[in-house]
N, C-alpha and C. Protein backbone atom coordinates (compact mmCIF):
# COMPACT_ATOMS: atom_id res chain seq x y z
N MET A 1 272.42 -30.91 251.96
CA MET A 1 273.63 -30.80 251.16
C MET A 1 274.16 -29.37 251.26
N SER A 2 275.42 -29.24 251.60
CA SER A 2 276.00 -27.91 251.75
C SER A 2 276.58 -27.42 250.41
N TYR A 3 276.68 -26.12 250.31
CA TYR A 3 277.22 -25.50 249.11
C TYR A 3 278.72 -25.76 249.00
N ARG A 4 279.16 -26.17 247.83
CA ARG A 4 280.57 -26.37 247.56
C ARG A 4 280.89 -25.63 246.26
N PRO A 5 281.76 -24.64 246.31
CA PRO A 5 282.06 -23.87 245.10
C PRO A 5 282.85 -24.70 244.08
N TYR A 6 282.83 -24.23 242.84
CA TYR A 6 283.69 -24.82 241.82
C TYR A 6 285.14 -24.59 242.22
N VAL A 7 286.04 -25.41 241.69
CA VAL A 7 287.45 -25.28 242.08
C VAL A 7 288.02 -23.93 241.66
N TRP A 8 287.62 -23.40 240.49
CA TRP A 8 288.13 -22.09 240.09
C TRP A 8 287.72 -21.02 241.11
N GLN A 9 286.54 -21.19 241.72
CA GLN A 9 286.09 -20.26 242.75
C GLN A 9 286.88 -20.44 244.05
N MET A 10 287.26 -21.67 244.34
CA MET A 10 288.11 -21.94 245.50
C MET A 10 289.47 -21.26 245.33
N VAL A 11 290.00 -21.32 244.13
CA VAL A 11 291.29 -20.67 243.84
C VAL A 11 291.15 -19.16 244.02
N LYS A 12 290.07 -18.60 243.52
CA LYS A 12 289.83 -17.14 243.67
C LYS A 12 289.70 -16.78 245.15
N GLU A 13 288.96 -17.57 245.90
CA GLU A 13 288.82 -17.35 247.34
C GLU A 13 290.18 -17.41 248.03
N ALA A 14 290.99 -18.38 247.64
CA ALA A 14 292.34 -18.50 248.22
C ALA A 14 293.14 -17.23 247.95
N MET A 15 293.12 -16.75 246.73
CA MET A 15 293.87 -15.53 246.39
C MET A 15 293.33 -14.32 247.16
N ASP A 16 292.02 -14.24 247.31
CA ASP A 16 291.43 -13.12 248.05
C ASP A 16 291.87 -13.13 249.51
N ASN A 17 292.14 -14.31 250.05
CA ASN A 17 292.55 -14.42 251.44
C ASN A 17 294.06 -14.41 251.64
N ILE A 18 294.81 -14.89 250.67
CA ILE A 18 296.27 -14.91 250.78
C ILE A 18 296.86 -13.53 250.53
N GLY A 19 296.36 -12.86 249.49
CA GLY A 19 296.89 -11.54 249.16
C GLY A 19 297.16 -11.39 247.68
N GLU A 20 298.04 -10.47 247.33
CA GLU A 20 298.32 -10.15 245.92
C GLU A 20 299.06 -11.26 245.19
N LYS A 21 299.98 -11.95 245.88
CA LYS A 21 300.81 -12.98 245.26
C LYS A 21 300.71 -14.27 246.05
N ALA A 22 300.86 -15.40 245.33
CA ALA A 22 300.83 -16.70 246.00
C ALA A 22 301.51 -17.74 245.12
N THR A 23 302.01 -18.77 245.76
CA THR A 23 302.52 -19.92 245.03
C THR A 23 301.38 -20.91 244.86
N TYR A 24 301.53 -21.83 243.93
CA TYR A 24 300.53 -22.88 243.77
C TYR A 24 300.38 -23.63 245.08
N SER A 25 301.49 -23.90 245.77
CA SER A 25 301.45 -24.63 247.04
C SER A 25 300.64 -23.89 248.10
N GLU A 26 300.80 -22.57 248.16
CA GLU A 26 300.03 -21.79 249.13
C GLU A 26 298.53 -21.84 248.82
N ILE A 27 298.19 -21.78 247.54
CA ILE A 27 296.80 -21.86 247.13
C ILE A 27 296.22 -23.22 247.51
N LYS A 28 296.96 -24.28 247.21
CA LYS A 28 296.49 -25.63 247.54
C LYS A 28 296.35 -25.81 249.05
N LYS A 29 297.29 -25.28 249.80
CA LYS A 29 297.23 -25.39 251.27
C LYS A 29 295.97 -24.71 251.80
N TYR A 30 295.66 -23.52 251.29
CA TYR A 30 294.46 -22.81 251.71
C TYR A 30 293.21 -23.64 251.38
N ILE A 31 293.13 -24.12 250.14
CA ILE A 31 291.95 -24.88 249.72
C ILE A 31 291.78 -26.14 250.55
N HIS A 32 292.86 -26.87 250.80
CA HIS A 32 292.78 -28.10 251.60
C HIS A 32 292.38 -27.81 253.04
N SER A 33 292.70 -26.62 253.53
CA SER A 33 292.33 -26.27 254.91
C SER A 33 290.83 -25.98 255.03
N LYS A 34 290.17 -25.66 253.91
CA LYS A 34 288.75 -25.31 253.93
C LYS A 34 287.83 -26.36 253.33
N TYR A 35 288.33 -27.12 252.38
CA TYR A 35 287.49 -28.06 251.63
C TYR A 35 288.12 -29.45 251.64
N ASP A 36 287.28 -30.45 251.77
CA ASP A 36 287.74 -31.84 251.73
C ASP A 36 287.77 -32.36 250.30
N ASN A 37 288.67 -33.29 250.07
CA ASN A 37 288.71 -34.06 248.82
C ASN A 37 288.79 -33.21 247.56
N VAL A 38 289.71 -32.27 247.53
CA VAL A 38 289.95 -31.50 246.31
C VAL A 38 291.31 -31.97 245.76
N ASN A 39 291.29 -32.46 244.55
CA ASN A 39 292.47 -33.03 243.93
C ASN A 39 293.49 -31.94 243.57
N ASP A 40 294.76 -32.17 243.92
CA ASP A 40 295.82 -31.21 243.62
C ASP A 40 295.93 -30.92 242.13
N ASN A 41 295.80 -31.95 241.30
CA ASN A 41 295.88 -31.73 239.85
C ASN A 41 294.74 -30.86 239.34
N THR A 42 293.57 -31.02 239.93
CA THR A 42 292.43 -30.17 239.55
C THR A 42 292.71 -28.73 239.93
N ILE A 43 293.28 -28.52 241.10
CA ILE A 43 293.63 -27.15 241.52
C ILE A 43 294.65 -26.56 240.56
N ASN A 44 295.69 -27.32 240.23
CA ASN A 44 296.71 -26.84 239.28
C ASN A 44 296.07 -26.45 237.95
N CYS A 45 295.18 -27.31 237.45
CA CYS A 45 294.52 -27.03 236.17
C CYS A 45 293.68 -25.76 236.23
N GLN A 46 292.96 -25.57 237.33
CA GLN A 46 292.11 -24.38 237.46
C GLN A 46 292.93 -23.11 237.64
N ILE A 47 294.10 -23.22 238.24
CA ILE A 47 295.00 -22.06 238.30
C ILE A 47 295.41 -21.68 236.88
N ILE A 48 295.76 -22.67 236.07
CA ILE A 48 296.15 -22.42 234.68
C ILE A 48 294.99 -21.81 233.90
N VAL A 49 293.79 -22.37 234.05
CA VAL A 49 292.60 -21.86 233.36
C VAL A 49 292.42 -20.37 233.62
N CYS A 50 292.68 -19.94 234.85
CA CYS A 50 292.39 -18.57 235.28
C CYS A 50 293.59 -17.62 235.16
N THR A 51 294.69 -18.08 234.59
CA THR A 51 295.90 -17.27 234.46
C THR A 51 295.98 -16.70 233.05
N VAL A 52 295.80 -15.39 232.93
CA VAL A 52 295.65 -14.73 231.63
C VAL A 52 296.85 -14.89 230.72
N ASN A 53 298.05 -15.04 231.26
CA ASN A 53 299.24 -15.13 230.43
C ASN A 53 299.85 -16.53 230.41
N HIS A 54 299.09 -17.54 230.80
CA HIS A 54 299.59 -18.91 230.76
C HIS A 54 299.28 -19.49 229.38
N ARG A 55 300.31 -19.86 228.64
CA ARG A 55 300.14 -20.25 227.24
C ARG A 55 299.31 -21.52 227.05
N THR A 56 299.23 -22.39 228.06
CA THR A 56 298.47 -23.63 227.89
C THR A 56 297.01 -23.52 228.33
N ARG A 57 296.59 -22.35 228.74
CA ARG A 57 295.19 -22.19 229.18
C ARG A 57 294.19 -22.46 228.05
N ILE A 58 294.65 -22.35 226.83
CA ILE A 58 293.77 -22.56 225.67
C ILE A 58 293.33 -24.02 225.51
N HIS A 59 293.93 -24.93 226.25
CA HIS A 59 293.58 -26.35 226.14
C HIS A 59 292.40 -26.74 227.02
N TYR A 60 291.83 -25.79 227.73
CA TYR A 60 290.71 -26.07 228.64
C TYR A 60 289.42 -25.49 228.05
N PRO A 61 288.28 -26.14 228.33
CA PRO A 61 287.00 -25.74 227.70
C PRO A 61 286.64 -24.26 227.90
N GLU A 62 286.98 -23.70 229.03
CA GLU A 62 286.63 -22.30 229.32
C GLU A 62 287.34 -21.33 228.38
N ASN A 63 288.40 -21.79 227.74
CA ASN A 63 289.25 -20.91 226.94
C ASN A 63 289.42 -21.40 225.50
N LYS A 64 288.39 -21.96 224.93
CA LYS A 64 288.46 -22.53 223.59
C LYS A 64 288.02 -21.57 222.48
N LYS A 65 287.72 -20.32 222.84
CA LYS A 65 287.30 -19.33 221.85
C LYS A 65 288.10 -18.06 222.00
N SER A 66 288.27 -17.35 220.90
CA SER A 66 288.95 -16.05 220.93
C SER A 66 288.16 -15.08 221.81
N ARG A 67 288.86 -14.36 222.67
CA ARG A 67 288.20 -13.38 223.53
C ARG A 67 289.24 -12.56 224.28
N ILE A 68 288.81 -11.41 224.78
CA ILE A 68 289.62 -10.60 225.66
C ILE A 68 289.56 -11.22 227.05
N ALA A 69 290.63 -11.11 227.80
CA ALA A 69 290.68 -11.67 229.15
C ALA A 69 289.93 -10.76 230.12
N ASN A 70 288.60 -10.88 230.12
CA ASN A 70 287.78 -10.06 231.02
C ASN A 70 286.58 -10.85 231.55
N THR A 71 286.73 -12.17 231.66
CA THR A 71 285.64 -12.99 232.17
C THR A 71 285.93 -13.40 233.61
N LYS A 72 285.01 -14.16 234.17
CA LYS A 72 285.20 -14.64 235.55
C LYS A 72 286.40 -15.56 235.67
N TYR A 73 286.90 -16.08 234.57
CA TYR A 73 288.07 -16.97 234.59
C TYR A 73 289.40 -16.25 234.40
N ASP A 74 289.39 -14.95 234.40
CA ASP A 74 290.60 -14.17 234.10
C ASP A 74 291.02 -13.31 235.28
N TYR A 75 291.62 -13.92 236.29
CA TYR A 75 291.97 -13.13 237.47
C TYR A 75 293.38 -13.40 238.00
N LEU A 76 294.15 -14.22 237.30
CA LEU A 76 295.52 -14.49 237.75
C LEU A 76 296.52 -14.14 236.65
N TYR A 77 297.75 -13.87 237.07
CA TYR A 77 298.85 -13.55 236.16
C TYR A 77 300.08 -14.28 236.68
N THR A 78 300.72 -15.07 235.83
CA THR A 78 301.89 -15.82 236.29
C THR A 78 303.12 -14.92 236.35
N ILE A 79 303.86 -15.03 237.43
CA ILE A 79 305.07 -14.23 237.62
C ILE A 79 306.31 -15.10 237.69
N GLY A 80 306.13 -16.38 237.54
CA GLY A 80 307.24 -17.34 237.59
C GLY A 80 306.68 -18.74 237.73
N ARG A 81 307.55 -19.70 237.64
CA ARG A 81 307.10 -21.09 237.73
C ARG A 81 306.44 -21.34 239.08
N GLY A 82 305.16 -21.71 239.04
CA GLY A 82 304.44 -22.02 240.27
C GLY A 82 304.06 -20.81 241.11
N GLU A 83 304.11 -19.62 240.53
CA GLU A 83 303.76 -18.39 241.26
C GLU A 83 302.82 -17.53 240.42
N VAL A 84 301.82 -16.99 241.09
CA VAL A 84 300.86 -16.11 240.42
C VAL A 84 300.59 -14.90 241.29
N GLU A 85 300.05 -13.88 240.65
CA GLU A 85 299.53 -12.73 241.38
C GLU A 85 298.21 -12.35 240.76
N LYS A 86 297.47 -11.50 241.45
CA LYS A 86 296.18 -11.06 240.92
C LYS A 86 296.41 -10.28 239.63
N TYR A 87 295.60 -10.58 238.64
CA TYR A 87 295.71 -9.91 237.34
C TYR A 87 295.15 -8.50 237.43
N ARG A 88 295.97 -7.55 237.02
CA ARG A 88 295.59 -6.14 236.98
C ARG A 88 295.91 -5.62 235.57
N PRO A 89 294.88 -5.39 234.74
CA PRO A 89 295.13 -4.92 233.38
C PRO A 89 295.98 -3.65 233.31
N ASP A 90 295.82 -2.76 234.29
CA ASP A 90 296.61 -1.52 234.28
C ASP A 90 298.09 -1.80 234.53
N LYS A 91 298.40 -2.89 235.19
CA LYS A 91 299.79 -3.27 235.48
C LYS A 91 300.33 -4.26 234.45
N HIS A 92 299.53 -5.26 234.10
CA HIS A 92 299.99 -6.37 233.27
C HIS A 92 299.65 -6.22 231.79
N GLY A 93 298.83 -5.24 231.46
CA GLY A 93 298.37 -5.10 230.09
C GLY A 93 297.10 -5.90 229.87
N ILE A 94 296.52 -5.74 228.71
CA ILE A 94 295.28 -6.44 228.37
C ILE A 94 295.65 -7.69 227.59
N TRP A 95 295.28 -8.83 228.13
CA TRP A 95 295.58 -10.12 227.52
C TRP A 95 294.37 -10.65 226.78
N GLU A 96 294.63 -11.53 225.83
CA GLU A 96 293.55 -12.10 225.06
C GLU A 96 293.91 -13.50 224.58
N ILE A 97 292.88 -14.22 224.21
CA ILE A 97 293.02 -15.50 223.51
C ILE A 97 292.61 -15.18 222.09
N LYS A 98 293.49 -15.46 221.14
CA LYS A 98 293.20 -15.11 219.75
C LYS A 98 293.78 -16.17 218.83
N GLU A 99 293.40 -16.09 217.57
CA GLU A 99 293.94 -16.98 216.57
C GLU A 99 295.21 -16.37 215.98
N ASP A 100 296.23 -17.21 215.80
CA ASP A 100 297.43 -16.73 215.13
C ASP A 100 297.19 -16.77 213.62
N GLU A 101 298.22 -16.50 212.84
CA GLU A 101 298.08 -16.44 211.39
C GLU A 101 297.68 -17.78 210.76
N THR A 102 297.86 -18.88 211.50
CA THR A 102 297.48 -20.21 210.99
C THR A 102 296.11 -20.66 211.49
N GLY A 103 295.47 -19.83 212.33
CA GLY A 103 294.17 -20.18 212.87
C GLY A 103 294.22 -20.91 214.20
N LYS A 104 295.42 -21.10 214.72
CA LYS A 104 295.60 -21.79 216.01
C LYS A 104 295.40 -20.79 217.15
N LEU A 105 294.70 -21.22 218.22
CA LEU A 105 294.51 -20.33 219.37
C LEU A 105 295.82 -20.14 220.12
N ILE A 106 296.06 -18.89 220.52
CA ILE A 106 297.23 -18.56 221.32
C ILE A 106 296.82 -17.56 222.40
N VAL A 107 297.66 -17.44 223.42
CA VAL A 107 297.49 -16.42 224.46
C VAL A 107 298.46 -15.30 224.12
N ALA A 108 297.96 -14.07 224.13
CA ALA A 108 298.82 -12.96 223.73
C ALA A 108 298.44 -11.68 224.46
N LEU A 109 299.44 -10.84 224.64
CA LEU A 109 299.21 -9.49 225.13
C LEU A 109 298.59 -8.73 223.97
N ARG A 110 297.48 -8.08 224.22
CA ARG A 110 296.81 -7.33 223.16
C ARG A 110 297.75 -6.28 222.62
N GLU A 111 297.85 -6.22 221.31
CA GLU A 111 298.81 -5.31 220.69
C GLU A 111 298.49 -3.87 221.01
N ASN A 112 299.52 -3.10 221.22
CA ASN A 112 299.39 -1.68 221.47
C ASN A 112 299.35 -0.96 220.13
N VAL A 113 298.23 -0.39 219.82
CA VAL A 113 298.06 0.28 218.53
C VAL A 113 299.07 1.41 218.37
N ASN A 114 299.45 2.05 219.46
CA ASN A 114 300.41 3.16 219.37
C ASN A 114 301.73 2.75 218.77
N GLU A 115 302.15 1.50 218.97
CA GLU A 115 303.42 1.02 218.43
C GLU A 115 303.41 0.98 216.91
N LYS A 116 302.22 0.90 216.31
CA LYS A 116 302.11 0.80 214.87
C LYS A 116 302.03 2.16 214.18
N ILE A 117 301.90 3.20 214.94
CA ILE A 117 301.77 4.53 214.35
C ILE A 117 303.14 5.01 213.89
N GLU A 118 303.21 5.34 212.63
CA GLU A 118 304.45 5.89 212.11
C GLU A 118 304.51 7.36 212.51
N ASN A 119 305.70 7.82 212.76
CA ASN A 119 305.87 9.19 213.19
C ASN A 119 305.78 10.12 211.98
N THR A 120 304.58 10.29 211.52
CA THR A 120 304.33 11.14 210.35
C THR A 120 303.11 11.99 210.62
N ASN A 121 303.07 13.14 210.04
CA ASN A 121 301.92 14.01 210.23
C ASN A 121 301.41 14.50 208.88
N LYS A 122 301.60 13.70 207.84
CA LYS A 122 301.11 14.08 206.52
C LYS A 122 299.59 14.16 206.54
N ASN A 123 299.05 15.30 206.17
CA ASN A 123 297.61 15.49 206.08
C ASN A 123 296.87 15.07 207.35
N GLY A 124 297.51 15.20 208.50
CA GLY A 124 296.86 14.88 209.76
C GLY A 124 296.71 13.39 210.04
N ILE A 125 297.40 12.53 209.29
CA ILE A 125 297.26 11.08 209.47
C ILE A 125 297.67 10.68 210.89
N PHE A 126 298.78 11.24 211.37
CA PHE A 126 299.24 10.90 212.72
C PHE A 126 298.19 11.24 213.76
N GLU A 127 297.58 12.43 213.65
CA GLU A 127 296.58 12.84 214.62
C GLU A 127 295.34 11.95 214.57
N LYS A 128 294.91 11.56 213.38
CA LYS A 128 293.76 10.66 213.25
C LYS A 128 294.06 9.31 213.89
N LYS A 129 295.24 8.76 213.64
CA LYS A 129 295.62 7.47 214.22
C LYS A 129 295.74 7.57 215.73
N LYS A 130 296.25 8.70 216.22
CA LYS A 130 296.39 8.88 217.66
C LYS A 130 295.02 8.93 218.33
N ARG A 131 294.07 9.65 217.74
CA ARG A 131 292.71 9.70 218.29
C ARG A 131 292.08 8.32 218.27
N TRP A 132 292.25 7.58 217.18
CA TRP A 132 291.70 6.23 217.09
C TRP A 132 292.33 5.34 218.17
N SER A 133 293.63 5.49 218.39
CA SER A 133 294.33 4.68 219.39
C SER A 133 293.79 4.95 220.79
N ILE A 134 293.56 6.19 221.13
CA ILE A 134 293.01 6.54 222.45
C ILE A 134 291.61 5.94 222.58
N HIS A 135 290.80 6.07 221.54
CA HIS A 135 289.46 5.49 221.54
C HIS A 135 289.53 3.97 221.74
N PHE A 136 290.45 3.32 221.03
CA PHE A 136 290.61 1.87 221.12
C PHE A 136 290.95 1.45 222.54
N HIS A 137 291.89 2.13 223.19
CA HIS A 137 292.29 1.76 224.55
C HIS A 137 291.18 2.04 225.56
N LEU A 138 290.48 3.14 225.41
CA LEU A 138 289.36 3.41 226.31
C LEU A 138 288.28 2.35 226.16
N LYS A 139 288.01 1.95 224.93
CA LYS A 139 287.01 0.91 224.68
C LYS A 139 287.44 -0.40 225.35
N SER A 140 288.71 -0.77 225.25
CA SER A 140 289.21 -2.00 225.87
C SER A 140 289.09 -1.96 227.38
N ILE A 141 289.41 -0.82 227.97
CA ILE A 141 289.32 -0.67 229.42
C ILE A 141 287.86 -0.76 229.86
N LEU A 142 286.97 -0.11 229.11
CA LEU A 142 285.54 -0.18 229.43
C LEU A 142 285.02 -1.60 229.34
N GLU A 143 285.46 -2.36 228.30
CA GLU A 143 285.05 -3.76 228.18
C GLU A 143 285.44 -4.55 229.41
N ILE A 144 286.64 -4.33 229.88
CA ILE A 144 287.11 -5.05 231.06
C ILE A 144 286.29 -4.66 232.29
N LEU A 145 286.07 -3.37 232.48
CA LEU A 145 285.34 -2.92 233.65
C LEU A 145 283.88 -3.34 233.64
N LEU A 146 283.26 -3.29 232.47
CA LEU A 146 281.83 -3.59 232.38
C LEU A 146 281.52 -5.08 232.40
N TYR A 147 282.41 -5.90 231.91
CA TYR A 147 282.11 -7.32 231.77
C TYR A 147 282.82 -8.20 232.77
N ARG A 148 283.64 -7.67 233.60
CA ARG A 148 284.33 -8.47 234.61
C ARG A 148 283.35 -8.82 235.72
N THR A 149 283.29 -10.08 236.10
CA THR A 149 282.34 -10.50 237.14
C THR A 149 283.04 -10.86 238.41
């Protein structure tokens, strides 16, 4: 019996060979050229599962819990209908799956703490918040770098 990767791995392999950007059709064409009997709908679903900013990714088992987008399933970013590119946190921001105010899971760009800082320097409050913000962003970047597989 020969090794056959999971479909999400086939999609990743396709992106690694196609380049930075690809359409769903290009990904499917690559996969069909290498592997037999891979269902187009399964490929479409796995592209969605692995796309950090796709709002319906939360409906799949891999994405049923709140988390930062830094797992093996977080490597695509949608740039238009049927088009994706490789996810780069430094370019696209840090994405996450989180609960909204009603407890429902949503896909969201992680909030930038700097946007919440009021332009005030009373008793050094601005400086403390700025230091905390830098620490927060460094921690997020380290989480992505250390836990990405």
